Amino acid sequence: KARKTYGVEYPNLYAVPGYHKNADEFNRVQRGHQNFLESSDSYAIMTLIGGLKHPIACAVGSVCYCVGSVLYMKGYSDNKLDVKMARYKKGAGIKWIGFFASLISTCKLGYDLIKG
């Protein structure tokens, strides 16, 4: 959707400032999406492992993580906000609640397996 809106064609991953009219706007949308793609695979693995010991905590954490990721992308793509804090202005901090719920669950499972 952003590619059509801002006129950035494939195969360009990012818009080139000076060449594309709305390069900054498109790049903010793209970076927000890229952040999700870079972190979702490791989060999913951590949640699957941690969910063996604490399935409800990981399920609630996953909801927080998904909602926080969407809010992160919405905040990052909002051109009215300063780019440094735009990601967290719309409530994306709850993403980290989900992240740490899965991290702590995974660490607790590892500790219990080592302790035996």
Foldseek 3Di string as FASTA:
>chain_A
DLCVVQVPDPPDLADDPPVGPPRVLSVLLSVLVVVCVVPVVVQVVLLVQLCVQPVVLLVVLVVLLVVLSVLQSVQSNPPVDDNVCSSPPRPSVSNVVSSVSSVVSNVVSVVVVVVD
